[in-house]
């Protein structure tokens, strides 16, 4: 089982119960929750504990792999993939104090490689809310292309569906 990955600057490992308080602190951010589908606001320690339990179980079952992104040992972001048939869907978030430093693009690129090389993905999909173009910039930077489609995705942080721009990357187009 893959529990540790590295990038040039970051160490990625499986999320543990000890991470719950840090996750609660980082995710209790209105902007972060508004730009993510599965992060409610406010975000409590109980929410973090439920996420950790889900992430641990899904990791063991092979349906979802969420990794803590650590910089100098400190949890700064989360990145992962969720299985949908033979495709995997990429997701990520970065704590507010750590944004704008390339953490999302570097760690997401590593997880995409993990999905293709270790999980045997034929394609990785992703998306961003239409009013969060910065996430689209990250996806394009690591090689994703828009599919020309959009969909409505429920945002727990907003409490309603948000128009989402759809992206995909096939293994043959992988450039990272």
Protein backbone atom coordinates (compact mmCIF):
# COMPACT_ATOMS: atom_id res chain seq x y z
CA UNK A 1 0.00 0.00 0.00
CA UNK A 2 1.27 3.48 -0.92
CA UNK A 3 1.36 5.63 2.17
CA UNK A 4 4.22 7.99 1.35
CA UNK A 5 5.05 10.06 -1.72
CA UNK A 6 7.50 12.88 -2.23
CA UNK A 7 7.93 15.89 -4.47
CA UNK A 8 10.87 18.23 -4.76
CA UNK A 9 9.64 20.26 -1.77
CA UNK A 10 6.95 18.22 -0.02
CA UNK A 11 6.33 14.98 1.77
CA UNK A 12 2.90 13.42 1.19
CA UNK A 13 1.58 10.71 3.45
CA UNK A 14 -1.67 9.07 4.45
CA UNK A 15 -3.82 11.17 6.76
CA UNK A 16 -3.98 9.91 10.35
CA UNK A 17 -6.19 10.56 13.37
CA UNK A 18 -3.45 12.77 14.80
CA UNK A 19 -4.02 15.15 11.85
CA UNK A 20 -7.65 15.90 12.76
CA UNK A 21 -7.01 19.03 14.89
CA UNK A 22 -4.79 20.55 12.17
CA UNK A 23 -7.34 19.72 9.46
CA UNK A 24 -10.06 21.36 11.55
CA UNK A 25 -7.95 24.52 11.91
CA UNK A 26 -7.07 24.73 8.21
CA UNK A 27 -10.54 23.89 6.89
CA UNK A 28 -12.43 26.28 9.14
CA UNK A 29 -11.97 28.95 6.49
CA UNK A 30 -14.94 30.42 4.62
CA UNK A 31 -13.02 30.89 1.34
CA UNK A 32 -11.60 27.36 1.37
CA UNK A 33 -14.98 25.79 2.05
CA UNK A 34 -16.66 27.94 -0.63
CA UNK A 35 -14.24 26.61 -3.25
CA UNK A 36 -14.45 22.93 -2.27
CA UNK A 37 -17.30 20.53 -2.70
CA UNK A 38 -16.91 18.47 0.46
CA UNK A 39 -15.85 21.00 3.12
CA UNK A 40 -18.67 22.52 5.19
CA UNK A 41 -18.42 25.87 6.95
CA UNK A 42 -17.97 26.24 9.81
CA UNK A 43 -15.66 23.23 9.97
CA UNK A 44 -15.35 21.54 13.36
CA UNK A 45 -13.03 19.03 14.97
CA UNK A 46 -15.88 16.51 14.63
CA UNK A 47 -15.99 17.18 10.87
CA UNK A 48 -12.23 16.59 10.70
CA UNK A 49 -12.49 13.37 12.69
CA UNK A 50 -15.23 12.11 10.35
CA UNK A 51 -13.11 13.01 7.32
CA UNK A 52 -10.07 11.21 8.77
CA UNK A 53 -12.15 8.10 9.49
CA UNK A 54 -13.56 8.16 5.95
CA UNK A 55 -10.15 8.82 4.38
CA UNK A 56 -8.54 5.99 6.35
CA UNK A 57 -11.24 3.48 5.44
CA UNK A 58 -11.31 4.52 1.76
CA UNK A 59 -7.49 4.38 1.58
CA UNK A 60 -7.51 0.81 2.90
CA UNK A 61 -10.31 -0.21 0.51
CA UNK A 62 -8.61 1.37 -2.51
CA UNK A 63 -11.46 3.66 -3.50
CA UNK A 64 -9.93 6.95 -2.47
CA UNK A 65 -6.43 8.11 -1.62
CA UNK A 66 -6.12 11.34 0.38
CA UNK A 67 -2.68 12.54 1.35
CA UNK A 68 -1.51 15.14 3.82
CA UNK A 69 0.93 17.52 2.15
CA UNK A 70 3.67 18.36 4.62
CA UNK A 71 6.26 21.08 4.40
CA UNK A 72 9.04 20.72 6.95
CA UNK A 73 6.79 18.29 8.85
CA UNK A 74 3.84 20.70 9.00
CA UNK A 75 0.47 19.75 7.45
CA UNK A 76 -0.22 22.55 4.92
CA UNK A 77 -2.57 21.01 2.34
CA UNK A 78 -4.47 17.92 1.27
CA UNK A 79 -4.54 16.24 -2.12
CA UNK A 80 -6.15 13.06 -3.32
CA UNK A 81 -7.97 11.03 -5.93
CA UNK A 82 -11.31 9.22 -5.85
CA UNK A 83 -12.06 6.21 -8.08
CA UNK A 84 -14.88 6.41 -10.63
CA UNK A 85 -14.61 3.16 -12.62
CA UNK A 86 -11.22 3.17 -14.35
CA UNK A 87 -10.94 6.94 -13.98
CA UNK A 88 -9.86 8.89 -10.94
CA UNK A 89 -11.05 12.35 -9.89
CA UNK A 90 -8.48 14.76 -8.46
CA UNK A 91 -9.16 17.05 -5.52
CA UNK A 92 -7.01 19.34 -3.39
CA UNK A 93 -7.05 22.20 -0.95
CA UNK A 94 -4.35 24.39 0.58
CA UNK A 95 -4.49 26.20 3.93
CA UNK A 96 -4.97 29.95 3.59
CA UNK A 97 -1.52 30.84 4.96
CA UNK A 98 0.18 28.62 2.37
CA UNK A 99 -1.56 29.67 -0.86
CA UNK A 100 0.28 31.19 -3.77
CA UNK A 101 3.45 29.14 -3.28
CA UNK A 102 2.90 26.35 -5.80
CA UNK A 103 1.86 23.79 -3.21
CA UNK A 104 -1.33 22.78 -5.04
CA UNK A 105 0.30 22.41 -8.45
CA UNK A 106 3.34 20.48 -7.18
CA UNK A 107 1.39 18.10 -4.95
CA UNK A 108 -1.47 17.63 -7.45
CA UNK A 109 1.04 16.81 -10.20
CA UNK A 110 2.51 14.12 -7.94
CA UNK A 111 -0.90 12.62 -7.21
CA UNK A 112 -1.74 12.57 -10.92
CA UNK A 113 1.47 10.61 -11.57
CA UNK A 114 0.51 8.29 -8.70
CA UNK A 115 -2.93 7.71 -10.27
CA UNK A 116 -1.43 6.80 -13.65
CA UNK A 117 1.68 4.93 -12.56
CA UNK A 118 0.54 3.18 -9.40
CA UNK A 119 -3.24 2.94 -9.71
CA UNK A 120 -3.41 2.22 -13.44
CA UNK A 121 -5.78 5.10 -14.22
CA UNK A 122 -6.70 5.56 -17.86
CA UNK A 123 -7.80 9.13 -17.24
CA UNK A 124 -7.86 11.60 -14.36
CA UNK A 125 -10.65 14.14 -14.14
CA UNK A 126 -10.96 17.33 -12.12
CA UNK A 127 -13.03 20.46 -11.97
CA UNK A 128 -13.28 23.89 -10.48
CA UNK A 129 -16.17 26.12 -9.55
CA UNK A 130 -16.70 28.70 -12.26
CA UNK A 131 -15.94 31.56 -9.85
CA UNK A 132 -12.61 30.01 -8.77
CA UNK A 133 -10.44 30.41 -11.90
CA UNK A 134 -7.21 30.06 -9.86
CA UNK A 135 -7.95 26.34 -9.56
CA UNK A 136 -8.30 26.15 -13.33
CA UNK A 137 -4.88 27.75 -13.67
CA UNK A 138 -3.42 25.02 -11.46
CA UNK A 139 -5.09 22.28 -13.49
CA UNK A 140 -3.84 23.72 -16.79
CA UNK A 141 -0.34 24.09 -15.36
CA UNK A 142 -0.14 20.35 -14.71
CA UNK A 143 -1.52 19.41 -18.12
CA UNK A 144 -5.29 19.15 -17.74
CA UNK A 145 -7.51 20.30 -20.59
CA UNK A 146 -11.10 21.47 -20.38
CA UNK A 147 -13.56 18.92 -21.66
CA UNK A 148 -15.90 21.61 -22.94
CA UNK A 149 -18.47 20.46 -20.43
CA UNK A 150 -19.71 21.85 -17.16
CA UNK A 151 -21.87 20.43 -14.42
CA UNK A 152 -23.54 21.52 -11.23
CA UNK A 153 -21.74 20.29 -8.11
CA UNK A 154 -23.06 20.71 -4.59
CA UNK A 155 -20.79 22.79 -2.34
CA UNK A 156 -21.15 21.92 1.33
CA UNK A 157 -19.49 25.23 2.22
CA UNK A 158 -21.99 27.27 0.21
CA UNK A 159 -25.00 25.02 0.73
CA UNK A 160 -26.03 24.99 -2.93
CA UNK A 161 -24.98 23.70 -6.35
CA UNK A 162 -22.28 25.61 -8.22
CA UNK A 163 -21.47 25.56 -11.92
CA UNK A 164 -18.24 23.58 -12.34
CA UNK A 165 -15.84 23.59 -15.30
CA UNK A 166 -14.78 20.02 -16.15
CA UNK A 167 -11.19 19.01 -16.95
CA UNK A 168 -9.49 15.73 -17.88
CA UNK A 169 -6.02 14.35 -18.47
CA UNK A 170 -5.31 11.05 -20.17
CA UNK A 171 -2.14 9.06 -19.59
CA UNK A 172 -1.00 9.58 -23.19
CA UNK A 173 -1.15 13.37 -22.62
CA UNK A 174 0.77 13.25 -19.36
CA UNK A 175 3.65 15.74 -19.42
CA UNK A 176 4.65 15.79 -15.75
